[in-house]
Amino acid sequence: MSQSQEQDSPPNAARQEASPSELGHLFGGARDALTDDMVTRLSVTATEGLELLDRINRSGIAEALPILAQMVKSGDLERVANIVRLAGSAQDALTDDIVTRMAQTAGNGLDLLDRVNRSGVVDALPAISALVNNGDLDRLVGLARLVGSAQDALSDDIIKRLSLIAGELMCLADRLTRNPNFFQLVDLLGRSDVQSTLVAVLNGLVQAREDVAGQPPAKGGLGALLAIARDSGTLETLRFASAFGHGLRTQNTQE
């Protein structure tokens, strides 16, 4: 008990040392140090502080303190501050020219969307998707590039030549269509027997040319003529020529 009393004695002694007279002197000194200007400032500061506390109390910010504490712990508050700084930097970097351009771009984009909506291009999206899936869109792009390259390669001279050729082809087509025998010729050329006959005639001409080119020049005279006449191939050729003439004469009589 004695030790506890001894330990408690110094604080009690310290509390007993501050006498009311000394406190009075302390408050008196503080009152003498306060000027009217300082008192006015302290009163204004206290008033503003009380008004701020009243606004905070009325705004209900106390209810947001748990959320703010959670954001501080998770680091989200720092991220929000960084986003605000980024937005502020972007706002500072935006000049009147940039704002005008952005507004014009936004207006043009809305105008484009309105035109796309009115044009009914949404109905074509399935067809475009099908073109993309089967690769036809790439083919169309390649065809457009080919046409563009051809257009770039066409000079004035080439265009004149092409127009001249096109005009001549149109005149030739007009003449052929006016001739009734042209369609008969086309029908004949469409037949397989006529095609095989033309092929045989052309092959025969080529073979005859090669045979004549490989033989020595003819000597002439009656003996050479008789030698040709004695050849069996000569008789076959004459027979074929006779049959050809008979058939041609028959066609002429039928017309």
Protein backbone atom coordinates (compact mmCIF):
# COMPACT_ATOMS: atom_id res chain seq x y z
CA MET A 1 0.00 0.00 0.00
CA SER A 2 2.82 2.36 0.79
CA GLN A 3 4.43 1.76 -2.59
CA SER A 4 1.22 2.47 -4.46
CA GLN A 5 0.74 5.63 -2.53
CA GLU A 6 4.31 6.67 -3.34
CA GLN A 7 3.74 5.96 -7.07
CA ASP A 8 0.51 7.96 -7.15
CA SER A 9 2.01 10.85 -5.24
CA PRO A 10 3.94 12.52 -8.11
CA PRO A 11 0.96 12.87 -10.49
CA ASN A 12 -1.17 14.14 -7.69
CA ALA A 13 1.57 16.55 -6.79
CA ALA A 14 1.76 17.68 -10.43
CA ARG A 15 -1.97 18.21 -10.51
CA GLN A 16 -1.82 20.13 -7.29
CA GLU A 17 0.97 22.36 -8.59
CA ALA A 18 -1.38 24.02 -11.21
CA SER A 19 -3.11 26.49 -8.94
CA PRO A 20 -6.12 28.59 -10.01
CA SER A 21 -4.03 31.69 -9.89
CA GLU A 22 -1.64 30.32 -12.45
CA LEU A 23 -4.51 29.32 -14.74
CA GLY A 24 -5.88 32.78 -14.38
CA HIS A 25 -2.53 34.28 -15.36
CA LEU A 26 -2.42 31.91 -18.38
CA PHE A 27 -5.84 32.90 -19.64
CA GLY A 28 -5.04 36.53 -18.95
CA GLY A 29 -1.86 36.33 -21.03
CA ALA A 30 -3.74 34.67 -23.90
CA ARG A 31 -6.44 37.32 -23.71
CA ASP A 32 -3.89 40.10 -23.78
CA ALA A 33 -2.17 38.50 -26.85
CA LEU A 34 -5.42 38.37 -28.80
CA THR A 35 -5.98 41.47 -30.89
CA ASP A 36 -9.25 42.49 -32.42
CA ASP A 37 -8.11 41.30 -35.83
CA MET A 38 -7.18 37.88 -34.50
CA VAL A 39 -10.46 37.59 -32.64
CA THR A 40 -12.33 38.46 -35.82
CA ARG A 41 -10.38 35.89 -37.81
CA LEU A 42 -10.93 33.21 -35.18
CA SER A 43 -14.63 33.94 -35.08
CA VAL A 44 -14.88 33.83 -38.91
CA THR A 45 -12.88 30.59 -38.99
CA ALA A 46 -15.04 29.05 -36.28
CA THR A 47 -18.19 30.16 -38.08
CA GLU A 48 -17.03 28.73 -41.39
CA GLY A 49 -15.94 25.50 -39.70
CA LEU A 50 -19.34 25.12 -38.04
CA GLU A 51 -21.09 25.88 -41.33
CA LEU A 52 -18.91 23.27 -43.10
CA LEU A 53 -19.73 20.69 -40.43
CA ASP A 54 -23.40 21.52 -40.80
CA ARG A 55 -23.25 21.05 -44.60
CA ILE A 56 -21.38 17.77 -44.19
CA ASN A 57 -23.97 16.58 -41.72
CA ARG A 58 -26.86 17.56 -43.98
CA SER A 59 -25.28 16.06 -47.13
CA GLY A 60 -25.20 12.60 -45.60
CA ILE A 61 -21.52 12.11 -46.38
CA ALA A 62 -21.18 10.11 -43.20
CA GLU A 63 -23.02 7.28 -44.92
CA ALA A 64 -20.36 7.23 -47.66
CA LEU A 65 -17.44 6.94 -45.23
CA PRO A 66 -17.51 3.09 -45.15
CA ILE A 67 -17.45 3.00 -48.95
CA LEU A 68 -14.59 5.52 -49.06
CA ALA A 69 -12.69 3.48 -46.48
CA GLN A 70 -13.17 0.34 -48.56
CA MET A 71 -12.02 2.17 -51.71
CA VAL A 72 -8.92 3.37 -49.87
CA LYS A 73 -8.09 -0.16 -48.71
CA SER A 74 -8.62 -1.72 -52.15
CA GLY A 75 -6.83 1.07 -54.03
CA ASP A 76 -9.90 2.02 -56.06
CA LEU A 77 -9.77 5.58 -54.76
CA GLU A 78 -6.30 6.00 -56.22
CA ARG A 79 -7.51 4.64 -59.56
CA VAL A 80 -10.43 7.09 -59.53
CA ALA A 81 -7.99 9.90 -58.79
CA ASN A 82 -5.83 8.80 -61.74
CA ILE A 83 -8.88 8.76 -64.02
CA VAL A 84 -9.80 12.26 -62.86
CA ARG A 85 -6.25 13.42 -63.53
CA LEU A 86 -6.35 11.84 -66.98
CA ALA A 87 -9.66 13.56 -67.74
CA GLY A 88 -8.22 16.83 -66.50
CA SER A 89 -5.13 16.45 -68.67
CA ALA A 90 -7.30 15.66 -71.70
CA GLN A 91 -9.45 18.68 -70.96
CA ASP A 92 -6.37 20.88 -70.71
CA ALA A 93 -5.03 19.47 -74.00
CA LEU A 94 -8.27 20.12 -75.87
CA THR A 95 -8.05 23.34 -77.81
CA ASP A 96 -10.92 25.09 -79.53
CA ASP A 97 -9.80 23.67 -82.88
CA ILE A 98 -9.74 20.12 -81.56
CA VAL A 99 -13.14 20.54 -79.95
CA THR A 100 -14.53 21.88 -83.23
CA ARG A 101 -13.07 18.94 -85.16
CA MET A 102 -14.41 16.42 -82.67
CA ALA A 103 -17.84 18.01 -82.82
CA GLN A 104 -17.73 17.97 -86.62
CA THR A 105 -16.60 14.33 -86.63
CA ALA A 106 -19.39 13.36 -84.24
CA GLY A 107 -21.91 15.21 -86.40
CA ASN A 108 -20.66 13.50 -89.56
CA GLY A 109 -20.80 10.13 -87.82
CA LEU A 110 -24.40 10.66 -86.75
CA ASP A 111 -25.28 11.82 -90.27
CA LEU A 112 -23.65 8.69 -91.70
CA LEU A 113 -25.54 6.45 -89.29
CA ASP A 114 -28.80 8.18 -90.24
CA ARG A 115 -28.11 7.67 -93.94
CA VAL A 116 -27.20 4.01 -93.40
CA ASN A 117 -30.40 3.51 -91.42
CA ARG A 118 -32.52 5.17 -94.09
CA SER A 119 -30.84 3.38 -97.01
CA GLY A 120 -31.90 -0.03 -95.73
CA VAL A 121 -28.36 -1.41 -95.78
CA VAL A 122 -29.27 -3.46 -92.72
CA ASP A 123 -31.29 -5.72 -95.03
CA ALA A 124 -28.13 -6.41 -97.04
CA LEU A 125 -26.08 -7.51 -94.03
CA PRO A 126 -27.07 -11.21 -94.36
CA ALA A 127 -25.99 -11.21 -98.01
CA ILE A 128 -22.72 -9.47 -97.09
CA SER A 129 -22.13 -12.03 -94.33
CA ALA A 130 -22.69 -14.84 -96.85
CA LEU A 131 -20.21 -13.20 -99.24
CA VAL A 132 -17.64 -13.00 -96.46
CA ASN A 133 -18.16 -16.61 -95.39
CA ASN A 134 -17.84 -18.16 -98.86
CA GLY A 135 -15.01 -15.86 -99.99
CA ASP A 136 -16.97 -14.09 -102.74
CA LEU A 137 -16.27 -10.72 -101.16
CA ASP A 138 -12.52 -11.24 -101.63
CA ARG A 139 -13.15 -12.16 -105.26
CA LEU A 140 -15.19 -9.00 -105.77
CA VAL A 141 -12.40 -6.94 -104.21
CA GLY A 142 -9.85 -8.61 -106.50
CA LEU A 143 -12.09 -7.94 -109.51
CA ALA A 144 -12.45 -4.30 -108.51
CA ARG A 145 -8.66 -4.02 -108.18
CA LEU A 146 -8.24 -5.59 -111.62
CA VAL A 147 -10.69 -3.14 -113.16
CA GLY A 148 -8.95 -0.27 -111.38
CA SER A 149 -5.55 -1.40 -112.64
CA ALA A 150 -6.90 -1.74 -116.18
CA GLN A 151 -8.44 1.72 -115.93
CA ASP A 152 -5.13 3.17 -114.78
CA ALA A 153 -3.28 1.41 -117.62
CA LEU A 154 -5.65 2.68 -120.32
CA SER A 155 -4.19 5.63 -122.16
CA ASP A 156 -5.99 7.88 -124.63
CA ASP A 157 -4.47 6.00 -127.58
CA ILE A 158 -5.59 2.62 -126.24
CA ILE A 159 -9.09 3.93 -125.59
CA LYS A 160 -9.31 5.22 -129.18
CA ARG A 161 -8.16 1.86 -130.54
CA LEU A 162 -10.60 -0.05 -128.38
CA SER A 163 -13.46 2.21 -129.42
CA LEU A 164 -12.49 1.74 -133.10
CA ILE A 165 -12.36 -2.05 -132.70
CA ALA A 166 -15.67 -2.06 -130.88
CA GLY A 167 -17.25 -0.01 -133.70
CA GLU A 168 -15.90 -2.36 -136.36
CA LEU A 169 -17.07 -5.42 -134.44
CA MET A 170 -20.54 -3.93 -134.15
CA CYS A 171 -20.62 -3.28 -137.90
CA LEU A 172 -19.45 -6.85 -138.60
CA ALA A 173 -22.05 -8.28 -136.25
CA ASP A 174 -24.73 -6.18 -137.94
CA ARG A 175 -23.71 -7.47 -141.38
CA LEU A 176 -23.63 -11.08 -140.21
CA THR A 177 -27.03 -10.89 -138.57
CA ARG A 178 -28.55 -9.40 -141.71
CA ASN A 179 -27.29 -12.35 -143.83
CA PRO A 180 -29.72 -15.31 -143.49
CA ASN A 181 -27.06 -17.82 -144.64
CA PHE A 182 -24.91 -17.00 -141.63
CA PHE A 183 -27.26 -18.78 -139.25
CA GLN A 184 -27.33 -21.81 -141.57
CA LEU A 185 -23.55 -21.85 -141.50
CA VAL A 186 -23.62 -21.72 -137.71
CA ASP A 187 -26.08 -24.64 -137.65
CA LEU A 188 -23.86 -26.65 -140.00
CA LEU A 189 -20.79 -25.98 -137.91
CA GLY A 190 -22.69 -27.25 -134.91
CA ARG A 191 -23.13 -30.69 -136.51
CA SER A 192 -20.58 -33.35 -135.55
CA ASP A 193 -20.28 -34.80 -139.09
CA VAL A 194 -19.51 -31.36 -140.52
CA GLN A 195 -16.91 -30.77 -137.86
CA SER A 196 -15.24 -34.12 -138.54
CA THR A 197 -15.29 -33.38 -142.31
CA LEU A 198 -13.62 -29.99 -141.79
CA VAL A 199 -10.98 -31.60 -139.60
CA ALA A 200 -10.34 -34.27 -142.26
CA VAL A 201 -10.07 -31.64 -145.01
CA LEU A 202 -7.59 -29.59 -143.04
CA ASN A 203 -5.52 -32.65 -142.13
CA GLY A 204 -5.56 -33.72 -145.79
CA LEU A 205 -4.30 -30.34 -146.91
CA VAL A 206 -1.47 -30.49 -144.40
CA GLN A 207 -0.52 -34.01 -145.45
CA ALA A 208 -0.65 -33.10 -149.18
CA ARG A 209 1.60 -30.14 -148.57
CA GLU A 210 4.13 -32.30 -146.74
CA ASP A 211 4.03 -34.99 -149.47
CA VAL A 212 4.54 -32.49 -152.27
CA ALA A 213 7.33 -30.76 -150.38
CA GLY A 214 9.19 -34.10 -149.98
CA GLN A 215 9.00 -35.11 -153.69
CA PRO A 216 11.37 -33.92 -156.43
CA PRO A 217 10.05 -31.50 -159.05
CA ALA A 218 7.94 -33.10 -161.80
CA LYS A 219 9.72 -33.74 -165.14
CA GLY A 220 6.63 -33.20 -167.25
CA GLY A 221 5.68 -35.01 -170.42
CA LEU A 222 3.17 -37.62 -171.40
CA GLY A 223 5.03 -40.43 -169.62
CA ALA A 224 4.85 -38.68 -166.26
CA LEU A 225 1.15 -38.04 -166.78
CA LEU A 226 0.56 -41.70 -167.60
CA ALA A 227 2.53 -42.72 -164.48
CA ILE A 228 0.25 -40.57 -162.37
CA ALA A 229 -2.80 -41.98 -164.12
CA ARG A 230 -1.64 -45.55 -163.40
CA ASP A 231 -1.50 -44.78 -159.67
CA SER A 232 -4.53 -46.21 -157.77
CA GLY A 233 -4.59 -43.21 -155.49
CA THR A 234 -5.19 -40.95 -158.46
CA LEU A 235 -8.32 -42.88 -159.36
CA GLU A 236 -9.56 -42.69 -155.76
CA THR A 237 -9.00 -38.98 -155.77
CA LEU A 238 -10.91 -38.56 -159.03
CA ARG A 239 -13.72 -40.68 -157.67
CA PHE A 240 -13.86 -38.52 -154.54
CA ALA A 241 -13.85 -35.34 -156.65
CA SER A 242 -16.65 -36.76 -158.78
CA ALA A 243 -18.73 -37.59 -155.72
CA PHE A 244 -18.06 -34.11 -154.32
CA GLY A 245 -19.18 -32.51 -157.57
CA HIS A 246 -22.29 -34.68 -157.71
CA GLY A 247 -23.23 -33.73 -154.17
CA LEU A 248 -22.63 -30.04 -154.83
CA ARG A 249 -24.74 -30.23 -157.97
CA THR A 250 -27.52 -31.94 -156.03
CA GLN A 251 -27.52 -29.16 -153.40
CA ASN A 252 -27.69 -26.51 -156.12
CA THR A 253 -30.70 -28.20 -157.74
CA GLN A 254 -32.49 -28.42 -154.37
CA GLU A 255 -32.10 -24.70 -153.74
